[in-house]
Amino acid sequence: MSLQLIEAYIPTKHFATVEEKLHSYTPISYWRGDETSDRYLVRLLVKTEQSEEILNYLEHAAHLVDGFEIMMLPISTYIRREKEEEKEQKTREKGIERASRHELYVQMEAQSKPSWTYFIFVLLSSIVVTIGLIKNSPAVVIGGMVIAPLLGPAISLAFASIIGDLKLVRQGTFTVLCGIGVALAISIIFGLVINIPFDSHEFMSRTEVDGMDVILALASGAAGALSVLKRFPSALVGVMVAVALLPPTVVLGMSIGSMLWEEAFRAFLLLAINVHAVLLSAITLFSLTGIRPVKYNEIQKANNSKKWAFIIITVMIIILLSAILSS
C-alpha cells in the first residue's frame, strides 16, 4: 500500500471547520499540534489514492483564506500493528492507484523543461541509434533508445492537454520538437557523409508503415503514461516511447541528408503517426484516471482542452493513415 504524508498549516480561526472536514476523509493517522499563535500544524497519513481529494479541498481553502500552507511527502516505510478488520478492508479495495494531480504536475513541469542535459542525451542517443542502424545492430539501436530522454516531455504534453495548462502545453511541445530537431540535425549530417545502408534491416524497416506500428505507438504512449501514474522507473518504460520516436527520426534525417525523398517521406509518415498515437493513448489513459483541476473555470478550460486534443489528434491520425494507405 502506497502512502503519503500531508502537512497543512491552518489558520486558527478556520481550524475547527477544516479539521472536521479532514477527519471525514478517515486518514490512516492524524496528528495535530500548535505551530504558532495564529496557526495549527496538522499531519495526515493517507493512502495515495486519497491524497488528491484531500489536496483539492485544501487547495480550494487556500485560495479563499490567507495563511494556509500545504505540502506532501512520500512515505517509504510505515510500521504498525494492523487490526483484522483493516486487513479485510484491503482485500475489498479496488481501482487504479496513482499519484495525485499535484504530484504529477510537479513531475511533468520538471520533465517538460528543456535543459543542456536533455539535449546532450538526445544528441548521444541519436549518434548511437544512427550507428546501430548503419551496422544493422538491434542491440546498439536498443542501447541508444535506453538513454533517449523522450518519455518526459512527450507524456508531459499529454498531461498538459488533460488539465488545460496552455503554458505547459507550449513548454512540452517546444521540448519535444527540440529533441526531434537535434536528432534530425545529427542524422542529416550522417546522411551527408555516409552512404545509406540499404542492406540494413534496422534502417529499411523504418521506411515502411503498417498497422502494427500504430499499435506499437499506442502501447508505448499508454506504457509511458502508466509509468508516470504508478511511479514505475521511467528509464525502463522510456525505451517504449523512444522506439516509436527516435529511430524514425534518425532514418528521416539520414534520408534527407542523402536526398532520398521517397524514403524520407515514408519515414516522416511513420514518425508523425507514432507521435500522434503516443499522445492519443497517453491522453486517453490520463483521462480515464479522472485527472482534472478543482476550480470551476479551470475545469471548463481543461474539458475544452481535452476535447480539442482528442479531436485534433484523431483527425491527424486519420489523415496520416489515409496518406499511408494511398502511398
Protein backbone atom coordinates (compact mmCIF):
# COMPACT_ATOMS: atom_id res chain seq x y z
CA MET A 1 0.00 0.00 0.00
CA SER A 2 1.45 3.35 -1.08
CA LEU A 3 1.20 6.16 1.48
CA GLN A 4 1.62 9.96 1.50
CA LEU A 5 2.11 12.36 4.41
CA ILE A 6 0.22 15.65 4.06
CA GLU A 7 1.27 18.58 6.24
CA ALA A 8 -1.03 21.58 6.48
CA TYR A 9 -0.63 24.88 8.35
CA ILE A 10 -4.18 26.04 9.05
CA PRO A 11 -5.24 29.47 10.41
CA THR A 12 -6.65 29.15 13.91
CA LYS A 13 -9.99 30.86 13.17
CA HIS A 14 -10.77 28.33 10.42
CA PHE A 15 -9.26 25.31 12.12
CA ALA A 16 -12.41 23.73 13.56
CA THR A 17 -14.20 23.66 10.21
CA VAL A 18 -11.17 22.37 8.31
CA GLU A 19 -10.36 19.73 10.93
CA GLU A 20 -13.89 18.35 10.79
CA LYS A 21 -13.62 18.05 7.02
CA LEU A 22 -10.20 16.38 7.20
CA HIS A 23 -11.50 13.79 9.66
CA SER A 24 -14.24 12.90 7.17
CA TYR A 25 -11.56 11.53 4.85
CA THR A 26 -10.71 8.90 7.51
CA PRO A 27 -6.92 9.21 7.32
CA ILE A 28 -4.79 6.30 8.49
CA SER A 29 -3.24 8.52 11.16
CA TYR A 30 -3.84 12.11 12.23
CA TRP A 31 -1.60 14.38 14.30
CA ARG A 32 -2.28 17.90 15.49
CA GLY A 33 -0.02 20.39 17.18
CA ASP A 34 0.30 24.15 17.82
CA GLU A 35 2.70 25.73 15.37
CA THR A 36 2.24 29.44 16.22
CA SER A 37 -0.34 31.55 17.96
CA ASP A 38 -2.34 32.01 14.75
CA ARG A 39 -1.88 28.65 13.00
CA TYR A 40 -2.11 24.92 13.70
CA LEU A 41 0.09 22.26 12.14
CA VAL A 42 -1.77 19.13 11.06
CA ARG A 43 -0.26 15.95 9.66
CA LEU A 44 -2.33 13.33 7.88
CA LEU A 45 -1.06 9.93 6.81
CA VAL A 46 -3.27 8.85 3.93
CA LYS A 47 -3.39 6.31 1.12
CA THR A 48 -2.06 7.60 -2.17
CA GLU A 49 -5.48 7.35 -3.84
CA GLN A 50 -6.95 9.63 -1.13
CA SER A 51 -4.30 12.32 -1.36
CA GLU A 52 -5.64 14.09 -4.45
CA GLU A 53 -9.12 14.62 -3.00
CA ILE A 54 -7.68 15.97 0.26
CA LEU A 55 -5.24 18.25 -1.56
CA ASN A 56 -8.07 19.50 -3.77
CA TYR A 57 -10.04 20.52 -0.65
CA LEU A 58 -7.03 22.20 0.97
CA GLU A 59 -6.12 23.91 -2.30
CA HIS A 60 -9.65 25.32 -2.56
CA ALA A 61 -9.50 26.53 1.05
CA ALA A 62 -6.09 28.12 0.48
CA HIS A 63 -7.47 30.11 -2.46
CA LEU A 64 -10.17 31.57 -0.21
CA VAL A 65 -8.25 32.23 3.01
CA ASP A 66 -4.76 33.60 3.67
CA GLY A 67 -2.41 31.69 5.94
CA PHE A 68 -2.75 28.17 4.55
CA GLU A 69 0.37 26.25 3.64
CA ILE A 70 0.25 22.68 2.36
CA MET A 71 2.94 20.19 1.44
CA MET A 72 3.00 16.47 0.68
CA LEU A 73 5.79 13.98 1.36
CA PRO A 74 6.19 10.41 0.10
CA ILE A 75 6.38 7.69 2.76
CA SER A 76 8.88 4.91 2.09
CA THR A 77 8.20 2.94 5.30
CA TYR A 78 5.34 2.84 7.81
CA ILE A 79 5.11 0.18 10.52
CA ARG A 80 2.27 -0.55 12.92
CA ARG A 81 0.13 -3.46 14.03
CA GLU A 82 -2.93 -3.77 11.83
CA LYS A 83 -6.32 -4.79 13.09
CA GLU A 84 -8.05 -7.73 11.44
CA GLU A 85 -10.85 -5.56 10.03
CA GLU A 86 -8.26 -3.33 8.33
CA LYS A 87 -6.71 -6.37 6.65
CA GLU A 88 -10.11 -7.45 5.40
CA GLN A 89 -10.81 -3.95 4.07
CA LYS A 90 -7.61 -4.07 1.99
CA THR A 91 -8.82 -7.16 0.16
CA ARG A 92 -12.01 -5.31 -0.84
CA GLU A 93 -10.33 -2.19 -2.21
CA LYS A 94 -10.39 -1.79 -5.98
CA GLY A 95 -9.33 0.81 -8.54
CA ILE A 96 -6.14 2.17 -10.06
CA GLU A 97 -3.79 3.62 -7.51
CA ARG A 98 -1.95 6.62 -8.92
CA ALA A 99 -0.03 9.69 -7.91
CA SER A 100 -2.06 12.80 -7.10
CA ARG A 101 -2.63 15.53 -9.68
CA HIS A 102 -0.44 17.91 -7.69
CA GLU A 103 2.44 15.43 -7.53
CA LEU A 104 2.06 14.66 -11.24
CA TYR A 105 2.06 18.34 -12.15
CA VAL A 106 5.35 18.99 -10.35
CA GLN A 107 6.91 15.99 -12.09
CA MET A 108 5.53 16.87 -15.53
CA GLU A 109 6.59 20.50 -15.27
CA ALA A 110 10.14 19.48 -14.39
CA GLN A 111 10.37 16.89 -17.18
CA SER A 112 8.98 19.21 -19.84
CA LYS A 113 11.69 21.85 -19.37
CA PRO A 114 14.49 21.81 -21.95
CA SER A 115 17.97 21.63 -20.45
CA TRP A 116 21.54 21.04 -21.53
CA THR A 117 21.38 17.56 -20.02
CA TYR A 118 18.31 16.78 -22.12
CA PHE A 119 19.96 17.97 -25.34
CA ILE A 120 23.21 16.12 -24.61
CA PHE A 121 21.35 12.85 -24.01
CA VAL A 122 19.29 13.32 -27.19
CA LEU A 123 22.50 14.01 -29.13
CA LEU A 124 24.28 10.95 -27.72
CA SER A 125 21.31 8.65 -28.19
CA SER A 126 20.87 9.87 -31.77
CA ILE A 127 24.51 9.09 -32.57
CA VAL A 128 24.23 5.62 -31.03
CA VAL A 129 20.96 4.82 -32.86
CA THR A 130 22.39 6.11 -36.16
CA ILE A 131 25.41 3.84 -35.82
CA GLY A 132 23.13 0.95 -34.86
CA LEU A 133 21.04 1.47 -38.00
CA ILE A 134 24.14 1.65 -40.20
CA LYS A 135 25.64 -1.51 -38.67
CA ASN A 136 22.23 -3.25 -38.67
CA SER A 137 22.66 -3.96 -34.96
CA PRO A 138 19.43 -4.23 -32.92
CA ALA A 139 21.46 -4.27 -29.68
CA VAL A 140 23.11 -0.94 -30.49
CA VAL A 141 19.78 0.60 -31.52
CA ILE A 142 18.21 -0.53 -28.25
CA GLY A 143 21.21 0.85 -26.35
CA GLY A 144 20.62 4.25 -27.93
CA MET A 145 16.94 4.17 -27.02
CA VAL A 146 17.75 3.37 -23.39
CA ILE A 147 19.49 6.74 -22.98
CA ALA A 148 16.98 8.72 -25.06
CA PRO A 149 15.14 11.13 -22.71
CA LEU A 150 11.96 11.43 -24.80
CA LEU A 151 9.49 9.98 -22.31
CA GLY A 152 9.23 13.03 -20.02
CA PRO A 153 8.35 15.81 -22.49
CA ALA A 154 6.11 13.55 -24.60
CA ILE A 155 4.00 12.44 -21.62
CA SER A 156 4.01 15.94 -20.08
CA LEU A 157 2.44 17.25 -23.30
CA ALA A 158 -0.39 14.72 -22.97
CA PHE A 159 -0.82 15.57 -19.27
CA ALA A 160 -0.94 19.31 -20.01
CA SER A 161 -3.67 18.72 -22.60
CA ILE A 162 -5.80 16.95 -19.99
CA ILE A 163 -5.60 19.71 -17.36
CA GLY A 164 -5.78 22.60 -19.86
CA ASP A 165 -2.45 24.18 -18.89
CA LEU A 166 -1.50 26.05 -22.08
CA LYS A 167 1.86 27.13 -20.69
CA LEU A 168 2.79 23.51 -20.01
CA VAL A 169 1.46 22.51 -23.45
CA ARG A 170 3.74 25.06 -25.12
CA GLN A 171 6.69 24.03 -22.97
CA GLY A 172 6.20 20.31 -23.63
CA THR A 173 5.68 20.89 -27.36
CA PHE A 174 8.83 23.00 -27.57
CA THR A 175 10.91 20.39 -25.75
CA VAL A 176 9.62 17.51 -27.89
CA LEU A 177 10.25 19.45 -31.11
CA CYS A 178 13.72 20.48 -29.94
CA GLY A 179 14.58 16.85 -29.17
CA ILE A 180 13.37 15.73 -32.60
CA GLY A 181 15.25 18.66 -34.17
CA VAL A 182 18.54 17.65 -32.52
CA ALA A 183 18.09 14.05 -33.66
CA LEU A 184 17.28 15.23 -37.19
CA ALA A 185 20.33 17.50 -37.34
CA ILE A 186 22.70 14.73 -36.24
CA SER A 187 21.24 12.18 -38.64
CA ILE A 188 21.23 14.63 -41.58
CA ILE A 189 24.96 15.15 -41.05
CA PHE A 190 25.47 11.36 -41.11
CA GLY A 191 23.35 11.15 -44.27
CA LEU A 192 25.56 13.72 -45.99
CA VAL A 193 28.82 11.86 -45.37
CA ILE A 194 27.80 8.16 -45.23
CA ASN A 195 26.08 6.03 -47.85
CA ILE A 196 22.60 4.90 -46.91
CA PRO A 197 22.73 1.27 -45.67
CA PHE A 198 20.05 -0.26 -47.92
CA ASP A 199 21.13 -3.72 -46.77
CA SER A 200 20.33 -2.83 -43.13
CA HIS A 201 17.04 -4.31 -42.00
CA GLU A 202 17.06 -1.97 -38.99
CA PHE A 203 17.17 1.02 -41.35
CA MET A 204 14.78 -0.16 -44.06
CA SER A 205 12.13 -1.32 -41.59
CA ARG A 206 11.71 2.34 -40.53
CA THR A 207 10.75 3.31 -44.08
CA GLU A 208 7.70 1.04 -44.01
CA VAL A 209 4.48 1.72 -42.12
CA ASP A 210 1.68 -0.70 -41.27
CA GLY A 211 -0.97 -1.25 -38.63
CA MET A 212 1.48 -2.90 -36.23
CA ASP A 213 3.43 0.36 -36.00
CA VAL A 214 0.29 2.20 -34.90
CA ILE A 215 -0.43 -0.46 -32.27
CA LEU A 216 3.17 -0.21 -31.06
CA ALA A 217 2.91 3.57 -30.71
CA LEU A 218 -0.42 3.32 -28.87
CA ALA A 219 1.05 0.79 -26.46
CA SER A 220 4.14 2.99 -26.00
CA GLY A 221 2.09 6.04 -25.06
CA ALA A 222 -0.06 4.04 -22.64
CA ALA A 223 3.04 2.50 -21.03
CA GLY A 224 4.63 5.92 -20.68
CA ALA A 225 1.55 7.41 -19.03
CA LEU A 226 1.12 4.39 -16.75
CA SER A 227 4.75 4.58 -15.66
CA VAL A 228 4.16 8.16 -14.54
CA LEU A 229 0.87 7.38 -12.80
CA LYS A 230 2.28 4.37 -10.96
CA ARG A 231 5.79 5.77 -10.41
CA PHE A 232 7.48 2.98 -12.35
CA PRO A 233 11.16 3.51 -13.32
CA SER A 234 10.86 5.89 -16.29
CA ALA A 235 14.19 4.82 -17.80
CA LEU A 236 12.80 1.34 -18.48
CA VAL A 237 9.45 2.40 -19.92
CA GLY A 238 11.11 5.26 -21.77
CA VAL A 239 12.51 2.71 -24.22
CA MET A 240 8.98 2.08 -25.49
CA VAL A 241 8.44 5.75 -26.27
CA ALA A 242 11.92 6.05 -27.76
CA VAL A 243 11.38 3.06 -30.07
CA ALA A 244 8.37 4.84 -31.55
CA LEU A 245 10.07 8.23 -31.96
CA LEU A 246 13.85 8.10 -32.20
CA PRO A 247 14.63 5.52 -34.95
CA PRO A 248 12.10 7.00 -37.46
CA THR A 249 13.54 10.46 -36.77
CA VAL A 250 17.08 9.25 -37.45
CA VAL A 251 16.02 7.46 -40.64
CA LEU A 252 14.19 10.61 -41.76
CA GLY A 253 17.29 12.73 -41.19
CA MET A 254 19.64 10.31 -42.95
CA SER A 255 17.27 10.10 -45.93
CA ILE A 256 17.08 13.89 -46.15
CA GLY A 257 20.87 14.14 -45.96
CA SER A 258 21.19 11.67 -48.86
CA MET A 259 18.28 13.33 -50.73
CA LEU A 260 16.28 10.12 -50.85
CA TRP A 261 12.89 11.80 -50.77
CA GLU A 262 10.73 8.70 -51.09
CA GLU A 263 12.37 7.04 -48.06
CA ALA A 264 12.26 10.37 -46.22
CA PHE A 265 8.53 10.72 -46.87
CA ARG A 266 7.77 7.20 -45.58
CA ALA A 267 9.95 7.75 -42.51
CA PHE A 268 8.16 11.06 -41.90
CA LEU A 269 4.77 9.31 -42.07
CA LEU A 270 5.98 6.73 -39.54
CA LEU A 271 7.33 9.40 -37.20
CA ALA A 272 4.23 11.60 -37.46
CA ILE A 273 1.73 8.81 -36.84
CA ASN A 274 3.84 7.47 -33.95
CA VAL A 275 3.93 10.89 -32.27
CA HIS A 276 0.16 11.32 -32.55
CA ALA A 277 -0.58 7.74 -31.46
CA VAL A 278 1.65 8.10 -28.39
CA LEU A 279 -0.14 11.32 -27.43
CA LEU A 280 -3.61 9.88 -28.07
CA SER A 281 -3.11 6.82 -25.85
CA ALA A 282 -1.45 8.87 -23.08
CA ILE A 283 -4.27 11.44 -23.12
CA THR A 284 -6.85 8.65 -23.04
CA LEU A 285 -5.21 6.93 -20.06
CA PHE A 286 -4.83 10.19 -18.12
CA SER A 287 -8.47 10.99 -18.85
CA LEU A 288 -9.69 7.59 -17.65
CA THR A 289 -7.95 8.04 -14.28
CA GLY A 290 -10.00 11.18 -13.58
CA ILE A 291 -7.25 13.79 -13.51
CA ARG A 292 -8.73 17.29 -13.53
CA PRO A 293 -8.38 20.66 -11.74
CA VAL A 294 -10.53 21.83 -8.82
CA LYS A 295 -11.80 25.33 -9.59
CA TYR A 296 -14.79 25.69 -11.92
CA ASN A 297 -13.13 27.88 -14.54
CA GLU A 298 -10.10 25.60 -14.64
CA ILE A 299 -12.36 22.55 -15.05
CA GLN A 300 -14.08 24.18 -18.03
CA LYS A 301 -10.74 25.06 -19.59
CA ALA A 302 -9.46 21.52 -19.01
CA ASN A 303 -12.59 19.98 -20.57
CA ASN A 304 -12.24 22.17 -23.67
CA SER A 305 -8.53 21.41 -23.93
CA LYS A 306 -9.13 17.66 -23.61
CA LYS A 307 -11.93 17.74 -26.20
CA TRP A 308 -9.87 19.64 -28.77
CA ALA A 309 -6.81 17.48 -28.11
CA PHE A 310 -8.83 14.34 -28.86
CA ILE A 311 -10.37 15.89 -31.98
CA ILE A 312 -7.14 17.30 -33.44
CA ILE A 313 -5.02 14.21 -32.76
CA THR A 314 -7.70 11.82 -34.05
CA VAL A 315 -8.15 13.85 -37.25
CA MET A 316 -4.37 13.93 -37.77
CA ILE A 317 -4.14 10.15 -37.33
CA ILE A 318 -6.92 9.65 -39.89
CA ILE A 319 -5.17 11.96 -42.37
CA LEU A 320 -1.84 10.19 -41.86
CA LEU A 321 -3.41 6.73 -42.21
CA SER A 322 -5.03 7.88 -45.43
CA ALA A 323 -1.68 9.08 -46.73
CA ILE A 324 -0.07 5.75 -45.76
CA LEU A 325 -2.77 3.68 -47.49
CA SER A 326 -2.58 5.79 -50.66
CA SER A 327 1.23 5.81 -50.89
